[in-house]
N, C-alpha and C. Protein backbone atom coordinates (compact mmCIF):
# COMPACT_ATOMS: atom_id res chain seq x y z
N MET A 1 -18.41 6.44 -9.61
CA MET A 1 -17.75 7.23 -10.63
C MET A 1 -17.40 6.31 -11.80
N SER A 2 -17.55 6.81 -12.99
CA SER A 2 -17.18 6.02 -14.16
C SER A 2 -15.76 6.37 -14.60
N LEU A 3 -15.18 5.47 -15.35
CA LEU A 3 -13.82 5.64 -15.83
C LEU A 3 -13.74 6.88 -16.71
N ARG A 4 -12.89 7.81 -16.33
CA ARG A 4 -12.69 9.04 -17.09
C ARG A 4 -11.70 8.86 -18.22
N LEU A 5 -10.68 8.08 -17.95
CA LEU A 5 -9.59 7.91 -18.90
C LEU A 5 -8.93 6.58 -18.62
N ASN A 6 -8.68 5.81 -19.66
CA ASN A 6 -7.99 4.54 -19.47
C ASN A 6 -6.49 4.81 -19.58
N TYR A 7 -5.88 5.06 -18.45
CA TYR A 7 -4.46 5.44 -18.42
C TYR A 7 -3.55 4.32 -18.88
N ASN A 8 -3.98 3.08 -18.74
CA ASN A 8 -3.19 1.95 -19.26
C ASN A 8 -3.09 2.02 -20.78
N ASP A 9 -4.18 2.38 -21.43
CA ASP A 9 -4.19 2.45 -22.89
C ASP A 9 -3.46 3.68 -23.43
N VAL A 10 -3.65 4.82 -22.80
CA VAL A 10 -3.09 6.05 -23.37
C VAL A 10 -1.63 6.29 -22.98
N SER A 11 -1.16 5.61 -21.94
CA SER A 11 0.24 5.77 -21.53
C SER A 11 0.87 4.41 -21.20
N PRO A 12 0.95 3.54 -22.19
CA PRO A 12 1.48 2.20 -21.90
C PRO A 12 2.93 2.22 -21.44
N HIS A 13 3.74 3.13 -21.96
CA HIS A 13 5.14 3.18 -21.54
C HIS A 13 5.26 3.64 -20.08
N GLY A 14 4.45 4.62 -19.71
CA GLY A 14 4.44 5.07 -18.32
C GLY A 14 3.99 3.99 -17.36
N MET A 15 2.96 3.26 -17.76
CA MET A 15 2.46 2.19 -16.91
C MET A 15 3.46 1.04 -16.83
N ARG A 16 4.18 0.78 -17.92
CA ARG A 16 5.24 -0.25 -17.87
C ARG A 16 6.36 0.19 -16.92
N ALA A 17 6.66 1.48 -16.90
CA ALA A 17 7.68 1.98 -15.98
C ALA A 17 7.26 1.74 -14.53
N LEU A 18 6.00 2.05 -14.22
CA LEU A 18 5.50 1.75 -12.87
C LEU A 18 5.52 0.24 -12.62
N GLY A 19 5.19 -0.52 -13.64
CA GLY A 19 5.24 -1.98 -13.52
C GLY A 19 6.64 -2.48 -13.20
N GLY A 20 7.65 -1.80 -13.73
CA GLY A 20 9.03 -2.17 -13.41
C GLY A 20 9.32 -1.98 -11.92
N ALA A 21 8.83 -0.87 -11.36
CA ALA A 21 9.00 -0.64 -9.92
C ALA A 21 8.22 -1.69 -9.14
N HIS A 22 7.04 -2.03 -9.61
CA HIS A 22 6.24 -3.07 -8.95
C HIS A 22 6.98 -4.40 -8.96
N GLY A 23 7.59 -4.73 -10.09
CA GLY A 23 8.37 -5.95 -10.18
C GLY A 23 9.56 -5.95 -9.24
N TYR A 24 10.20 -4.79 -9.10
CA TYR A 24 11.33 -4.68 -8.17
C TYR A 24 10.86 -4.97 -6.75
N VAL A 25 9.76 -4.35 -6.34
CA VAL A 25 9.25 -4.56 -4.98
C VAL A 25 8.93 -6.04 -4.77
N ALA A 26 8.33 -6.68 -5.77
CA ALA A 26 7.95 -8.09 -5.65
C ALA A 26 9.16 -9.00 -5.43
N GLN A 27 10.30 -8.63 -5.98
CA GLN A 27 11.49 -9.47 -5.83
C GLN A 27 12.47 -8.94 -4.78
N SER A 28 12.06 -7.92 -4.04
CA SER A 28 12.95 -7.25 -3.10
C SER A 28 13.32 -8.08 -1.87
N GLY A 29 12.54 -9.11 -1.60
CA GLY A 29 12.77 -9.91 -0.41
C GLY A 29 11.78 -9.59 0.71
N LEU A 30 11.02 -8.51 0.58
CA LEU A 30 9.97 -8.23 1.55
C LEU A 30 8.87 -9.29 1.39
N PRO A 31 8.32 -9.76 2.50
CA PRO A 31 7.25 -10.76 2.39
C PRO A 31 6.05 -10.21 1.61
N LYS A 32 5.52 -11.01 0.70
CA LYS A 32 4.41 -10.58 -0.15
C LYS A 32 3.23 -10.10 0.68
N ARG A 33 2.92 -10.85 1.72
CA ARG A 33 1.76 -10.48 2.55
C ARG A 33 1.96 -9.13 3.24
N LEU A 34 3.19 -8.84 3.66
CA LEU A 34 3.49 -7.55 4.29
C LEU A 34 3.34 -6.42 3.27
N VAL A 35 3.83 -6.64 2.06
CA VAL A 35 3.72 -5.63 1.01
C VAL A 35 2.25 -5.39 0.67
N GLU A 36 1.48 -6.45 0.53
CA GLU A 36 0.05 -6.30 0.23
C GLU A 36 -0.68 -5.56 1.35
N LEU A 37 -0.30 -5.83 2.59
CA LEU A 37 -0.89 -5.14 3.73
C LEU A 37 -0.61 -3.64 3.65
N VAL A 38 0.61 -3.28 3.32
CA VAL A 38 0.98 -1.87 3.16
C VAL A 38 0.22 -1.26 1.98
N TYR A 39 0.17 -1.98 0.86
CA TYR A 39 -0.58 -1.48 -0.29
C TYR A 39 -2.04 -1.21 0.09
N LEU A 40 -2.63 -2.11 0.86
CA LEU A 40 -4.02 -1.93 1.28
C LEU A 40 -4.17 -0.69 2.14
N ARG A 41 -3.30 -0.53 3.13
CA ARG A 41 -3.45 0.61 4.04
C ARG A 41 -3.25 1.93 3.31
N VAL A 42 -2.27 2.01 2.43
CA VAL A 42 -2.06 3.23 1.65
C VAL A 42 -3.30 3.52 0.81
N SER A 43 -3.85 2.50 0.20
CA SER A 43 -5.04 2.67 -0.65
C SER A 43 -6.25 3.11 0.16
N GLN A 44 -6.38 2.61 1.39
CA GLN A 44 -7.47 3.05 2.26
C GLN A 44 -7.33 4.54 2.57
N ILE A 45 -6.13 4.96 2.93
CA ILE A 45 -5.89 6.36 3.26
C ILE A 45 -6.23 7.25 2.07
N ASN A 46 -5.85 6.81 0.87
CA ASN A 46 -6.06 7.62 -0.33
C ASN A 46 -7.46 7.47 -0.93
N GLY A 47 -8.29 6.62 -0.36
CA GLY A 47 -9.65 6.46 -0.84
C GLY A 47 -9.74 5.84 -2.23
N CYS A 48 -8.86 4.89 -2.52
CA CYS A 48 -8.83 4.26 -3.84
C CYS A 48 -9.61 2.94 -3.79
N SER A 49 -10.86 2.98 -4.23
CA SER A 49 -11.70 1.78 -4.16
C SER A 49 -11.16 0.65 -5.03
N TYR A 50 -10.62 0.98 -6.19
CA TYR A 50 -10.05 -0.04 -7.07
C TYR A 50 -8.94 -0.80 -6.35
N CYS A 51 -8.01 -0.07 -5.73
CA CYS A 51 -6.87 -0.71 -5.06
C CYS A 51 -7.26 -1.38 -3.74
N VAL A 52 -8.20 -0.79 -2.99
CA VAL A 52 -8.66 -1.44 -1.76
C VAL A 52 -9.26 -2.80 -2.10
N ASP A 53 -10.07 -2.85 -3.14
CA ASP A 53 -10.67 -4.10 -3.57
C ASP A 53 -9.58 -5.11 -3.97
N MET A 54 -8.66 -4.67 -4.82
CA MET A 54 -7.62 -5.57 -5.34
C MET A 54 -6.73 -6.11 -4.22
N HIS A 55 -6.28 -5.25 -3.31
CA HIS A 55 -5.35 -5.70 -2.28
C HIS A 55 -6.05 -6.46 -1.15
N SER A 56 -7.32 -6.18 -0.92
CA SER A 56 -8.08 -6.99 0.03
C SER A 56 -8.21 -8.42 -0.49
N ARG A 57 -8.52 -8.55 -1.77
CA ARG A 57 -8.64 -9.87 -2.38
C ARG A 57 -7.29 -10.60 -2.36
N ALA A 58 -6.22 -9.87 -2.65
CA ALA A 58 -4.88 -10.48 -2.64
C ALA A 58 -4.54 -10.99 -1.24
N LEU A 59 -4.86 -10.22 -0.22
CA LEU A 59 -4.57 -10.65 1.15
C LEU A 59 -5.40 -11.87 1.55
N MET A 60 -6.64 -11.91 1.13
CA MET A 60 -7.45 -13.10 1.40
C MET A 60 -6.85 -14.30 0.68
N GLY A 61 -6.37 -14.09 -0.53
CA GLY A 61 -5.72 -15.16 -1.28
C GLY A 61 -4.44 -15.63 -0.63
N GLU A 62 -3.78 -14.75 0.12
CA GLU A 62 -2.57 -15.10 0.86
C GLU A 62 -2.90 -15.73 2.22
N GLY A 63 -4.18 -15.90 2.50
CA GLY A 63 -4.60 -16.56 3.73
C GLY A 63 -4.87 -15.65 4.90
N MET A 64 -4.96 -14.35 4.67
CA MET A 64 -5.27 -13.46 5.80
C MET A 64 -6.72 -13.67 6.21
N PRO A 65 -6.95 -13.93 7.50
CA PRO A 65 -8.32 -14.09 7.98
C PRO A 65 -9.12 -12.81 7.76
N VAL A 66 -10.37 -12.96 7.40
CA VAL A 66 -11.22 -11.81 7.13
C VAL A 66 -11.34 -10.90 8.36
N GLU A 67 -11.32 -11.49 9.55
CA GLU A 67 -11.40 -10.68 10.78
C GLU A 67 -10.22 -9.70 10.85
N LYS A 68 -9.05 -10.16 10.47
CA LYS A 68 -7.87 -9.30 10.49
C LYS A 68 -7.96 -8.25 9.39
N LEU A 69 -8.42 -8.64 8.23
CA LEU A 69 -8.58 -7.73 7.11
C LEU A 69 -9.49 -6.56 7.49
N PHE A 70 -10.58 -6.86 8.18
CA PHE A 70 -11.51 -5.81 8.60
C PHE A 70 -10.87 -4.82 9.57
N LEU A 71 -9.84 -5.25 10.28
CA LEU A 71 -9.23 -4.40 11.30
C LEU A 71 -8.07 -3.54 10.79
N VAL A 72 -7.71 -3.66 9.53
CA VAL A 72 -6.59 -2.89 9.00
C VAL A 72 -6.75 -1.39 9.25
N PRO A 73 -7.93 -0.78 9.01
CA PRO A 73 -8.03 0.66 9.24
C PRO A 73 -7.83 1.07 10.70
N VAL A 74 -8.04 0.13 11.62
CA VAL A 74 -7.92 0.43 13.05
C VAL A 74 -6.86 -0.46 13.69
N TRP A 75 -5.80 -0.72 12.96
CA TRP A 75 -4.77 -1.65 13.42
C TRP A 75 -4.18 -1.26 14.76
N ARG A 76 -4.08 0.03 15.06
CA ARG A 76 -3.48 0.47 16.33
C ARG A 76 -4.30 0.00 17.53
N GLU A 77 -5.59 -0.16 17.33
CA GLU A 77 -6.49 -0.56 18.41
C GLU A 77 -6.85 -2.05 18.35
N SER A 78 -6.10 -2.81 17.58
CA SER A 78 -6.49 -4.19 17.30
C SER A 78 -5.71 -5.24 18.08
N GLY A 79 -5.12 -4.85 19.17
CA GLY A 79 -4.45 -5.82 20.02
C GLY A 79 -3.40 -6.62 19.29
N SER A 80 -3.46 -7.93 19.45
CA SER A 80 -2.41 -8.80 18.93
C SER A 80 -2.68 -9.31 17.51
N TYR A 81 -3.68 -8.76 16.82
CA TYR A 81 -3.94 -9.19 15.45
C TYR A 81 -2.76 -8.95 14.53
N PHE A 82 -1.99 -7.89 14.79
CA PHE A 82 -0.86 -7.52 13.94
C PHE A 82 0.44 -7.68 14.71
N ASP A 83 1.42 -8.34 14.07
CA ASP A 83 2.70 -8.53 14.74
C ASP A 83 3.55 -7.26 14.65
N ASP A 84 4.73 -7.29 15.29
CA ASP A 84 5.57 -6.10 15.37
C ASP A 84 5.98 -5.56 14.00
N ARG A 85 6.33 -6.44 13.08
CA ARG A 85 6.72 -5.98 11.74
C ARG A 85 5.53 -5.38 10.99
N GLU A 86 4.38 -6.00 11.12
CA GLU A 86 3.19 -5.46 10.46
C GLU A 86 2.85 -4.09 11.04
N ARG A 87 2.91 -3.97 12.35
CA ARG A 87 2.59 -2.69 12.99
C ARG A 87 3.58 -1.61 12.57
N ALA A 88 4.86 -1.95 12.51
CA ALA A 88 5.87 -0.98 12.09
C ALA A 88 5.66 -0.58 10.63
N ALA A 89 5.34 -1.56 9.78
CA ALA A 89 5.11 -1.27 8.36
C ALA A 89 3.87 -0.40 8.16
N LEU A 90 2.81 -0.69 8.90
CA LEU A 90 1.59 0.12 8.79
C LEU A 90 1.83 1.54 9.29
N ALA A 91 2.54 1.69 10.39
CA ALA A 91 2.85 3.03 10.90
C ALA A 91 3.69 3.82 9.90
N TRP A 92 4.70 3.15 9.31
CA TRP A 92 5.56 3.81 8.33
C TRP A 92 4.75 4.18 7.08
N ALA A 93 3.88 3.29 6.64
CA ALA A 93 3.04 3.56 5.47
C ALA A 93 2.16 4.78 5.70
N GLU A 94 1.58 4.88 6.89
CA GLU A 94 0.73 6.03 7.20
C GLU A 94 1.54 7.32 7.22
N THR A 95 2.70 7.28 7.85
CA THR A 95 3.53 8.48 7.94
C THR A 95 3.99 8.95 6.56
N VAL A 96 4.48 8.03 5.75
CA VAL A 96 5.00 8.40 4.43
C VAL A 96 3.86 8.84 3.51
N THR A 97 2.71 8.20 3.59
CA THR A 97 1.57 8.58 2.76
C THR A 97 1.04 9.96 3.13
N ARG A 98 1.07 10.28 4.40
CA ARG A 98 0.55 11.57 4.88
C ARG A 98 1.66 12.62 5.02
N ILE A 99 2.72 12.48 4.28
CA ILE A 99 3.92 13.30 4.42
C ILE A 99 3.64 14.80 4.30
N ALA A 100 2.69 15.20 3.47
CA ALA A 100 2.40 16.63 3.30
C ALA A 100 1.89 17.26 4.59
N GLY A 101 1.16 16.50 5.36
CA GLY A 101 0.59 17.04 6.59
C GLY A 101 1.44 16.83 7.82
N THR A 102 2.28 15.80 7.79
CA THR A 102 3.00 15.44 9.01
C THR A 102 4.52 15.49 8.87
N GLY A 103 5.01 15.53 7.62
CA GLY A 103 6.44 15.32 7.45
C GLY A 103 6.74 13.90 7.88
N VAL A 104 7.99 13.62 8.10
CA VAL A 104 8.38 12.33 8.66
C VAL A 104 9.17 12.62 9.93
N PRO A 105 8.50 12.60 11.06
CA PRO A 105 9.19 12.90 12.32
C PRO A 105 10.32 11.89 12.59
N GLU A 106 11.34 12.35 13.25
CA GLU A 106 12.48 11.49 13.59
C GLU A 106 12.03 10.25 14.36
N ALA A 107 11.07 10.43 15.25
CA ALA A 107 10.59 9.29 16.04
C ALA A 107 9.97 8.22 15.14
N ALA A 108 9.26 8.64 14.10
CA ALA A 108 8.66 7.67 13.17
C ALA A 108 9.75 6.93 12.42
N TYR A 109 10.76 7.64 11.98
CA TYR A 109 11.87 6.98 11.28
C TYR A 109 12.59 6.01 12.22
N GLN A 110 12.88 6.42 13.42
CA GLN A 110 13.60 5.57 14.37
C GLN A 110 12.80 4.31 14.69
N ALA A 111 11.48 4.47 14.81
CA ALA A 111 10.63 3.30 15.10
C ALA A 111 10.68 2.30 13.94
N ALA A 112 10.63 2.79 12.72
CA ALA A 112 10.69 1.89 11.56
C ALA A 112 12.08 1.28 11.42
N ALA A 113 13.11 2.09 11.63
CA ALA A 113 14.49 1.62 11.49
C ALA A 113 14.86 0.60 12.57
N ALA A 114 14.14 0.61 13.68
CA ALA A 114 14.40 -0.37 14.74
C ALA A 114 13.88 -1.76 14.36
N VAL A 115 12.97 -1.83 13.40
CA VAL A 115 12.35 -3.09 13.02
C VAL A 115 12.86 -3.61 11.67
N PHE A 116 13.15 -2.71 10.77
CA PHE A 116 13.56 -3.09 9.41
C PHE A 116 15.02 -2.76 9.16
N ALA A 117 15.70 -3.66 8.48
CA ALA A 117 17.07 -3.42 8.03
C ALA A 117 17.03 -2.26 7.02
N PRO A 118 18.16 -1.58 6.81
CA PRO A 118 18.16 -0.43 5.90
C PRO A 118 17.58 -0.72 4.51
N LYS A 119 17.98 -1.83 3.88
CA LYS A 119 17.44 -2.15 2.56
C LYS A 119 15.94 -2.43 2.63
N GLU A 120 15.51 -3.13 3.65
CA GLU A 120 14.08 -3.40 3.81
C GLU A 120 13.30 -2.09 3.93
N LEU A 121 13.82 -1.16 4.71
CA LEU A 121 13.12 0.11 4.90
C LEU A 121 13.09 0.91 3.61
N ALA A 122 14.20 0.92 2.87
CA ALA A 122 14.21 1.60 1.58
C ALA A 122 13.21 0.96 0.63
N ASP A 123 13.20 -0.37 0.56
CA ASP A 123 12.28 -1.07 -0.34
C ASP A 123 10.83 -0.88 0.09
N LEU A 124 10.58 -0.88 1.37
CA LEU A 124 9.23 -0.64 1.87
C LEU A 124 8.77 0.77 1.48
N THR A 125 9.67 1.73 1.55
CA THR A 125 9.33 3.10 1.19
C THR A 125 9.09 3.23 -0.32
N ILE A 126 9.84 2.48 -1.12
CA ILE A 126 9.58 2.43 -2.56
C ILE A 126 8.18 1.88 -2.79
N ALA A 127 7.81 0.82 -2.09
CA ALA A 127 6.48 0.22 -2.23
C ALA A 127 5.39 1.23 -1.87
N ILE A 128 5.60 1.98 -0.81
CA ILE A 128 4.62 2.98 -0.37
C ILE A 128 4.49 4.08 -1.42
N GLY A 129 5.61 4.57 -1.92
CA GLY A 129 5.57 5.60 -2.96
C GLY A 129 4.89 5.10 -4.23
N LEU A 130 5.18 3.86 -4.61
CA LEU A 130 4.57 3.26 -5.79
C LEU A 130 3.06 3.18 -5.63
N MET A 131 2.60 2.70 -4.47
CA MET A 131 1.16 2.57 -4.27
C MET A 131 0.49 3.93 -4.25
N ASN A 132 1.14 4.94 -3.71
CA ASN A 132 0.59 6.29 -3.76
C ASN A 132 0.43 6.73 -5.22
N ALA A 133 1.39 6.42 -6.08
CA ALA A 133 1.29 6.77 -7.50
C ALA A 133 0.12 6.04 -8.15
N TYR A 134 0.03 4.73 -7.94
CA TYR A 134 -1.08 3.96 -8.51
C TYR A 134 -2.43 4.49 -8.01
N ASN A 135 -2.53 4.81 -6.72
CA ASN A 135 -3.78 5.34 -6.16
C ASN A 135 -4.17 6.64 -6.84
N ARG A 136 -3.21 7.50 -7.06
CA ARG A 136 -3.51 8.79 -7.66
C ARG A 136 -4.02 8.63 -9.09
N LEU A 137 -3.45 7.70 -9.82
CA LEU A 137 -3.94 7.42 -11.17
C LEU A 137 -5.37 6.90 -11.13
N ALA A 138 -5.61 5.90 -10.29
CA ALA A 138 -6.92 5.28 -10.24
C ALA A 138 -8.00 6.25 -9.76
N VAL A 139 -7.71 7.04 -8.74
CA VAL A 139 -8.69 7.98 -8.23
C VAL A 139 -8.91 9.13 -9.22
N ALA A 140 -7.83 9.68 -9.77
CA ALA A 140 -7.96 10.81 -10.69
C ALA A 140 -8.76 10.45 -11.94
N PHE A 141 -8.58 9.21 -12.42
CA PHE A 141 -9.20 8.83 -13.67
C PHE A 141 -10.42 7.92 -13.51
N GLY A 142 -10.86 7.74 -12.25
CA GLY A 142 -12.14 7.08 -12.00
C GLY A 142 -12.17 5.57 -12.09
N ALA A 143 -11.05 4.91 -11.85
CA ALA A 143 -11.07 3.45 -11.84
C ALA A 143 -11.78 2.96 -10.59
N GLY A 144 -12.74 2.07 -10.76
CA GLY A 144 -13.49 1.53 -9.63
C GLY A 144 -13.14 0.08 -9.39
N PRO A 145 -13.70 -0.51 -8.35
CA PRO A 145 -13.40 -1.91 -8.05
C PRO A 145 -13.88 -2.84 -9.16
N ALA A 146 -13.24 -3.99 -9.24
CA ALA A 146 -13.62 -4.99 -10.24
C ALA A 146 -15.09 -5.34 -10.07
N GLY A 147 -15.81 -5.41 -11.17
CA GLY A 147 -17.22 -5.77 -11.12
C GLY A 147 -18.16 -4.62 -10.83
N ALA A 148 -17.61 -3.43 -10.53
CA ALA A 148 -18.49 -2.28 -10.26
C ALA A 148 -19.06 -1.77 -11.56
N ALA A 149 -20.26 -1.29 -11.50
CA ALA A 149 -20.92 -0.77 -12.69
C ALA A 149 -20.37 0.59 -13.07
């Protein structure tokens, strides 16, 4: 798909507002690699090739082994590749991203709250919501991965 609309150019104030939320998440105290992992999983669910490409590259830059990166879509079946916090963050990201179809069951909330402190969970949820917004912009307006024709 080719770029339909350059949303950065036509709505710079809106994109700066999203950038402010992105900056907040970056300084929230959540580990960068965990946030990038969540961004990647949300982007995979939403089918955002631009964001999957960007966050895969970021995770490799953070030292994530390629074998682990390949297993993100099937993290539940990946044994010990993902630690408890990563697994909880990925489960929460999936639940919150798929909220229209699943709601947020109490068990999902309790599982996330057992691993993350209240502020961490709030900040993680902000990150998930932010990535859903970025994905919708990129998919709606045809942004593709870097280097794609």
